[in-house]
Every structure is written in structure tokens, then in C-alpha cells.
Amino acid sequence: MDYSVIQIVFIFLITFLVAIDQFSFLESLYQPIVTGAAIGLVLGDLQTGLVVGGTYQLMTIGNMPIGGAQPPNAVIGGIMASVLAISANLEPSLTVVTAIPFALIGQYVITLIFTLMSPVMAIADKCAKRGDDKGIQWINYLAMAALGFVFATIVTLFFLGGVTFGETIANAIPDWLMRGLKAAGGMMRYVGFAILLKAMVSRDMWGFYFLGVALAVIVMASQSLKGSALLLLAFVAFALAYWDFQIQTKFKKIDESMKNKS
């Protein structure tokens, strides 16, 4: 499948923007569900982009940087997963596994750029002492541009060879290994949720968790409700959350009134 120069330019610009967004804009544009849709739109297959982006999002939903430790990068991984799925006609669960090496490259690039920018912080301190706010701004612009340019260059180069690379992988993998990779890719979605639940675990919330699972099973079992299951569950979750908020607010008011009286 051949792509036009305009599509290649758009891939470069999208990657440049979302790479900066990950650490500076913080508008969640870098999330795989967003980048997958954007890449799918550029490459002419929005549905595949959404499916792959959503699948990759579930895998990375529990990943978070802790200090200087960086997880496999969701920007490069999510974009390359969509590129491989669309250009090489790979299944979403398989592209999630195939994109991991690209995500690791992104992880190493971030660590390298952060390391190279460390000495520049001394210059930023000097600018702060002089009250040179423009100097600090330009340092930030430099870091943002460097990160965006390196990410965009890596993704564009892999994109240009993505068709051949993806087809080579698909043709070289035997059927039994292909089935295993698909199973592993499907499991990664649940691993991402498990990591997220481990970080958010609270005894007070386990009742809502099991209630949500039970409601999801019940709704999905009905063919008439299956299509709108996610929306229905979102309304139920909002209702429960709002109810809990009202109850907790009343308890706080009662506690405050009791303290004032005492």
C-alpha cells in the first residue's frame, strides 16, 4: 500500500504534536485512543485506528512514570500499532504485541533526552537568578522541540518502512506462534486494568467494582442492550457516584455542625 507525501507529513506533524503533549500540553492528545483515531483518519481507515487505539489504550491504562523510570512509550507504541494494523492488515491484538519494541525505543529516547537536558538546568537556574523569564521559556521550547522532532522522525522512518516490515513479520510468523501472540495481545488489555486497579485499590470501592462487573455481564447478555451497553453503564456509574457524593456531603455537614455545637 502506497501513501502520499501529504499523509507522511501528517504522520510527522501528529507525532510531533502528541510527543510534546505527553509532557507539556497534558491535554491527553497523546493517549493511544486519540492517536489511533488520528492515524486511522490520515490513512483512510478510521475504524481500524479506533479499534487498535482502544486496544492499546487498555494495555497502557495502568502505566505511569515513577520518578525517572519511564514505562514503554505510549506515543510511539500506539501510533506504530495503528500503522502496522492498517498498512499490513494485522489484527489489533497482534499489533499490540508487535508495537512493544517501538514503545521501548520511545522509552529509551525519553531517557536519553532527559539526560542530555540535565546540564541545561544549570543555565535555567542562572536565568532565574537574573530574572530572565524569556531565557527559561526558550529552554522549555528547545526541550519540547527536541522531543517532538526525535519522536516524529522515528515514527516517520518506521512508517515509511512499515508496510514491508509488517508484511515481513506477518509472513514469517508460523500459525501456532501467531495464535499465541494474539492470545498474549488479548491478555495485555486485562493486565493494564489489573495494574490500574492495584494502584487504585480501596476497600470502600470493592462493592462498586463487583456491582459494575455484574451489571456489565447482565447488560451484555441482552442482544437489545448490547449495542448501548457502555453508555448505559456510564449512566449507572454516574448515578451511583452522584448519590455517594450527596451522602458524603451530608455526613460532612452533620460532622461540622456537631463540632460547632461542641
Protein backbone atom coordinates (compact mmCIF):
# COMPACT_ATOMS: atom_id res chain seq x y z
CA MET A 1 0.00 0.00 0.00
CA ASP A 2 1.48 3.34 -1.12
CA TYR A 3 0.91 6.56 0.75
CA SER A 4 1.09 10.15 -0.44
CA VAL A 5 3.52 12.83 0.70
CA ILE A 6 0.65 14.63 2.43
CA GLN A 7 -0.12 11.55 4.55
CA ILE A 8 3.54 11.21 5.51
CA VAL A 9 3.67 14.89 6.50
CA PHE A 10 0.52 14.48 8.60
CA ILE A 11 2.02 11.46 10.37
CA PHE A 12 5.10 13.56 11.18
CA LEU A 13 3.05 16.50 12.46
CA ILE A 14 0.70 14.36 14.53
CA THR A 15 3.61 12.58 16.20
CA PHE A 16 5.42 15.89 16.78
CA LEU A 17 2.34 17.35 18.49
CA VAL A 18 1.42 14.39 20.69
CA ALA A 19 5.04 13.85 21.77
CA ILE A 20 5.07 17.38 23.17
CA ASP A 21 1.59 16.94 24.63
CA GLN A 22 2.73 13.97 26.70
CA PHE A 23 4.91 16.14 28.96
CA SER A 24 3.95 19.76 28.24
CA PHE A 25 0.40 20.33 26.97
CA LEU A 26 -1.11 17.49 29.02
CA GLU A 27 -4.33 17.52 27.02
CA SER A 28 -4.33 13.70 26.66
CA LEU A 29 -3.85 14.00 22.90
CA TYR A 30 -1.00 11.50 23.21
CA GLN A 31 -3.29 8.75 24.51
CA PRO A 32 -3.45 5.76 22.10
CA ILE A 33 -7.23 6.03 21.74
CA VAL A 34 -6.71 9.54 20.30
CA THR A 35 -3.60 8.85 18.23
CA GLY A 36 -5.14 5.66 16.84
CA ALA A 37 -8.16 7.58 15.59
CA ALA A 38 -5.94 10.33 14.12
CA ILE A 39 -3.67 7.85 12.32
CA GLY A 40 -6.67 5.89 11.06
CA LEU A 41 -8.22 9.09 9.73
CA VAL A 42 -5.00 10.05 7.92
CA LEU A 43 -4.51 6.57 6.44
CA GLY A 44 -8.14 6.19 5.41
CA ASP A 45 -9.25 3.54 7.92
CA LEU A 46 -10.75 5.27 10.95
CA GLN A 47 -12.47 2.14 12.30
CA THR A 48 -9.24 0.13 12.47
CA GLY A 49 -7.46 3.09 14.05
CA LEU A 50 -10.11 3.33 16.76
CA VAL A 51 -10.07 -0.41 17.47
CA VAL A 52 -6.29 -0.60 17.65
CA GLY A 53 -6.04 2.62 19.66
CA GLY A 54 -8.64 1.38 22.14
CA THR A 55 -6.90 -1.99 22.46
CA TYR A 56 -3.53 -0.36 23.06
CA GLN A 57 -5.11 2.12 25.48
CA LEU A 58 -6.41 -0.73 27.63
CA MET A 59 -2.91 -2.20 27.79
CA THR A 60 -1.28 1.07 28.84
CA ILE A 61 -4.04 2.37 31.10
CA GLY A 62 -2.15 1.36 34.24
CA ASN A 63 1.29 2.52 33.08
CA MET A 64 2.67 5.61 34.75
CA PRO A 65 6.16 7.11 35.12
CA ILE A 66 7.57 6.98 38.64
CA GLY A 67 10.42 9.42 39.15
CA GLY A 68 12.99 8.89 36.42
CA ALA A 69 11.62 5.45 35.49
CA GLN A 70 9.71 5.57 32.22
CA PRO A 71 7.28 2.86 31.01
CA PRO A 72 7.26 1.78 27.33
CA ASN A 73 6.21 4.91 25.49
CA ALA A 74 2.53 5.04 24.56
CA VAL A 75 3.05 7.64 21.82
CA ILE A 76 5.33 5.65 19.53
CA GLY A 77 3.79 2.31 20.53
CA GLY A 78 0.22 3.44 19.91
CA ILE A 79 0.99 5.11 16.59
CA MET A 80 3.04 2.20 15.25
CA ALA A 81 0.34 -0.27 16.33
CA SER A 82 -2.18 1.62 14.19
CA VAL A 83 0.27 1.93 11.30
CA LEU A 84 1.02 -1.81 11.29
CA ALA A 85 -2.64 -2.75 11.60
CA ILE A 86 -3.69 -0.57 8.67
CA SER A 87 -0.67 -0.93 6.39
CA ALA A 88 -0.04 -4.64 6.92
CA ASN A 89 -3.61 -5.77 7.75
CA LEU A 90 -2.57 -7.21 11.12
CA GLU A 91 -5.18 -7.95 13.79
CA PRO A 92 -5.41 -5.46 16.69
CA SER A 93 -4.35 -7.97 19.34
CA LEU A 94 -1.29 -8.88 17.28
CA THR A 95 -0.28 -5.28 16.61
CA VAL A 96 -0.30 -4.58 20.36
CA VAL A 97 2.46 -7.17 20.80
CA THR A 98 4.30 -6.14 17.63
CA ALA A 99 4.38 -2.47 18.67
CA ILE A 100 6.11 -3.13 22.02
CA PRO A 101 9.67 -2.90 20.56
CA PHE A 102 8.77 0.51 19.13
CA ALA A 103 7.40 1.59 22.50
CA LEU A 104 10.67 0.53 24.13
CA ILE A 105 12.57 2.70 21.63
CA GLY A 106 10.43 5.63 22.74
CA GLN A 107 11.23 4.84 26.35
CA TYR A 108 14.97 4.91 25.66
CA VAL A 109 14.67 8.14 23.64
CA ILE A 110 12.91 9.92 26.51
CA THR A 111 15.56 8.77 28.98
CA LEU A 112 18.30 9.97 26.60
CA ILE A 113 16.71 13.39 26.03
CA PHE A 114 16.12 13.89 29.75
CA THR A 115 19.76 13.00 30.41
CA LEU A 116 21.03 15.41 27.75
CA MET A 117 18.81 18.20 29.08
CA SER A 118 20.01 17.80 32.67
CA PRO A 119 23.08 20.11 32.29
CA VAL A 120 20.80 22.76 30.73
CA MET A 121 19.06 23.10 34.09
CA ALA A 122 22.14 24.97 35.36
CA ILE A 123 21.55 27.55 32.62
CA ALA A 124 17.89 27.77 33.65
CA ASP A 125 18.98 28.46 37.26
CA LYS A 126 21.19 31.31 36.05
CA CYS A 127 18.30 32.72 34.03
CA ALA A 128 16.11 32.55 37.13
CA LYS A 129 18.67 34.46 39.19
CA ARG A 130 18.84 37.19 36.54
CA GLY A 131 15.06 37.27 36.23
CA ASP A 132 15.36 36.23 32.59
CA ASP A 133 12.00 34.59 32.07
CA LYS A 134 12.41 34.58 28.30
CA GLY A 135 15.58 32.50 28.64
CA ILE A 136 13.69 29.89 30.67
CA GLN A 137 10.90 29.89 28.09
CA TRP A 138 13.34 29.24 25.26
CA ILE A 139 14.91 26.37 27.18
CA ASN A 140 11.47 24.81 27.52
CA TYR A 141 10.77 25.41 23.84
CA LEU A 142 14.09 23.75 22.98
CA ALA A 143 13.27 20.64 25.03
CA MET A 144 9.78 20.41 23.57
CA ALA A 145 11.03 20.80 20.00
CA ALA A 146 13.80 18.23 20.51
CA LEU A 147 11.40 15.65 21.92
CA GLY A 148 8.80 16.25 19.23
CA PHE A 149 11.31 16.19 16.38
CA VAL A 150 13.05 12.99 17.51
CA PHE A 151 9.74 11.17 18.05
CA ALA A 152 8.33 12.38 14.74
CA THR A 153 11.48 11.35 12.87
CA ILE A 154 11.50 7.86 14.40
CA VAL A 155 7.81 7.24 13.66
CA THR A 156 8.06 8.63 10.12
CA LEU A 157 11.06 6.44 9.28
CA PHE A 158 9.32 3.36 10.62
CA PHE A 159 6.12 4.39 8.86
CA LEU A 160 7.92 4.57 5.52
CA GLY A 161 9.11 1.01 6.03
CA GLY A 162 6.05 -0.08 7.97
CA VAL A 163 4.32 -1.88 5.13
CA THR A 164 7.31 -4.02 4.25
CA PHE A 165 8.21 -4.55 7.89
CA GLY A 166 4.70 -5.53 8.91
CA GLU A 167 4.16 -7.85 5.98
CA THR A 168 7.54 -9.50 6.61
CA ILE A 169 6.59 -10.14 10.23
CA ALA A 170 3.16 -11.47 9.31
CA ASN A 171 4.58 -13.84 6.68
CA ALA A 172 7.47 -15.04 8.83
CA ILE A 173 5.44 -15.95 11.93
CA PRO A 174 4.08 -19.53 11.86
CA ASP A 175 0.40 -20.11 12.59
CA TRP A 176 0.94 -21.63 16.05
CA LEU A 177 3.07 -18.66 17.14
CA MET A 178 0.60 -16.23 15.57
CA ARG A 179 -2.19 -17.70 17.70
CA GLY A 180 -0.02 -17.40 20.79
CA LEU A 181 0.81 -13.75 20.07
CA LYS A 182 -2.87 -12.96 19.51
CA ALA A 183 -3.71 -14.54 22.86
CA ALA A 184 -0.92 -12.59 24.56
CA GLY A 185 -2.10 -9.36 22.96
CA GLY A 186 -5.63 -10.02 24.18
CA MET A 187 -4.38 -10.68 27.72
CA MET A 188 -2.44 -7.40 27.85
CA ARG A 189 -5.69 -5.44 27.99
CA TYR A 190 -6.57 -7.14 31.26
CA VAL A 191 -3.05 -6.73 32.59
CA GLY A 192 -3.40 -2.97 32.06
CA PHE A 193 -6.65 -2.94 34.04
CA ALA A 194 -5.06 -5.05 36.78
CA ILE A 195 -2.19 -2.58 37.15
CA LEU A 196 -4.67 0.30 37.34
CA LEU A 197 -6.78 -1.48 39.96
CA LYS A 198 -3.70 -2.24 42.03
CA ALA A 199 -2.85 1.47 42.13
CA MET A 200 -6.45 2.48 42.93
CA VAL A 201 -7.37 -0.39 45.26
CA SER A 202 -9.60 0.67 48.14
CA ARG A 203 -11.72 -1.50 50.38
CA ASP A 204 -14.50 1.07 50.25
CA MET A 205 -14.77 0.74 46.47
CA TRP A 206 -14.74 -3.03 46.01
CA GLY A 207 -18.54 -3.21 46.28
CA PHE A 208 -18.93 -0.80 43.35
CA TYR A 209 -16.36 -2.77 41.35
CA PHE A 210 -18.20 -6.09 41.71
CA LEU A 211 -21.51 -4.34 41.05
CA GLY A 212 -20.09 -2.92 37.81
CA VAL A 213 -18.85 -6.33 36.68
CA ALA A 214 -22.23 -7.93 37.41
CA LEU A 215 -24.12 -5.18 35.57
CA ALA A 216 -21.77 -5.45 32.57
CA VAL A 217 -22.38 -9.21 32.32
CA ILE A 218 -26.15 -8.75 32.61
CA VAL A 219 -26.34 -5.96 30.02
CA MET A 220 -24.05 -7.73 27.54
CA ALA A 221 -26.22 -10.86 27.75
CA SER A 222 -29.16 -8.95 26.25
CA GLN A 223 -28.99 -8.50 22.48
CA SER A 224 -31.24 -5.42 22.61
CA LEU A 225 -28.98 -3.68 25.16
CA LYS A 226 -25.64 -4.91 23.87
CA GLY A 227 -25.09 -2.05 21.43
CA SER A 228 -25.56 0.67 24.04
CA ALA A 229 -24.03 -1.25 26.97
CA LEU A 230 -21.17 1.19 27.57
CA LEU A 231 -23.47 4.22 27.61
CA LEU A 232 -25.97 2.55 29.94
CA LEU A 233 -23.23 1.50 32.36
CA ALA A 234 -21.78 5.03 32.26
CA PHE A 235 -25.17 6.45 33.31
CA VAL A 236 -25.47 3.90 36.13
CA ALA A 237 -21.94 4.68 37.32
CA PHE A 238 -22.64 8.42 37.26
CA ALA A 239 -25.86 7.93 39.22
CA LEU A 240 -24.08 5.89 41.90
CA ALA A 241 -21.18 8.35 42.08
CA TYR A 242 -23.54 11.33 42.40
CA TRP A 243 -25.58 9.55 45.05
CA ASP A 244 -22.43 8.72 47.01
CA PHE A 245 -21.28 12.34 46.69
CA GLN A 246 -24.56 13.62 48.13
CA ILE A 247 -24.43 11.18 51.04
CA GLN A 248 -20.81 12.05 51.87
CA THR A 249 -21.61 15.77 51.66
CA LYS A 250 -24.47 15.36 54.12
CA PHE A 251 -22.24 13.43 56.53
CA LYS A 252 -19.62 16.18 56.39
CA LYS A 253 -22.23 18.86 57.12
CA ILE A 254 -23.52 16.85 60.10
CA ASP A 255 -19.97 16.39 61.43
CA GLU A 256 -19.27 20.12 61.08
CA SER A 257 -22.50 21.07 62.84
CA MET A 258 -21.72 18.65 65.69
CA LYS A 259 -18.24 20.13 66.08
CA ASN A 260 -19.64 23.68 66.16
CA LYS A 261 -22.15 22.74 68.82
CA SER A 262 -19.50 21.10 70.96
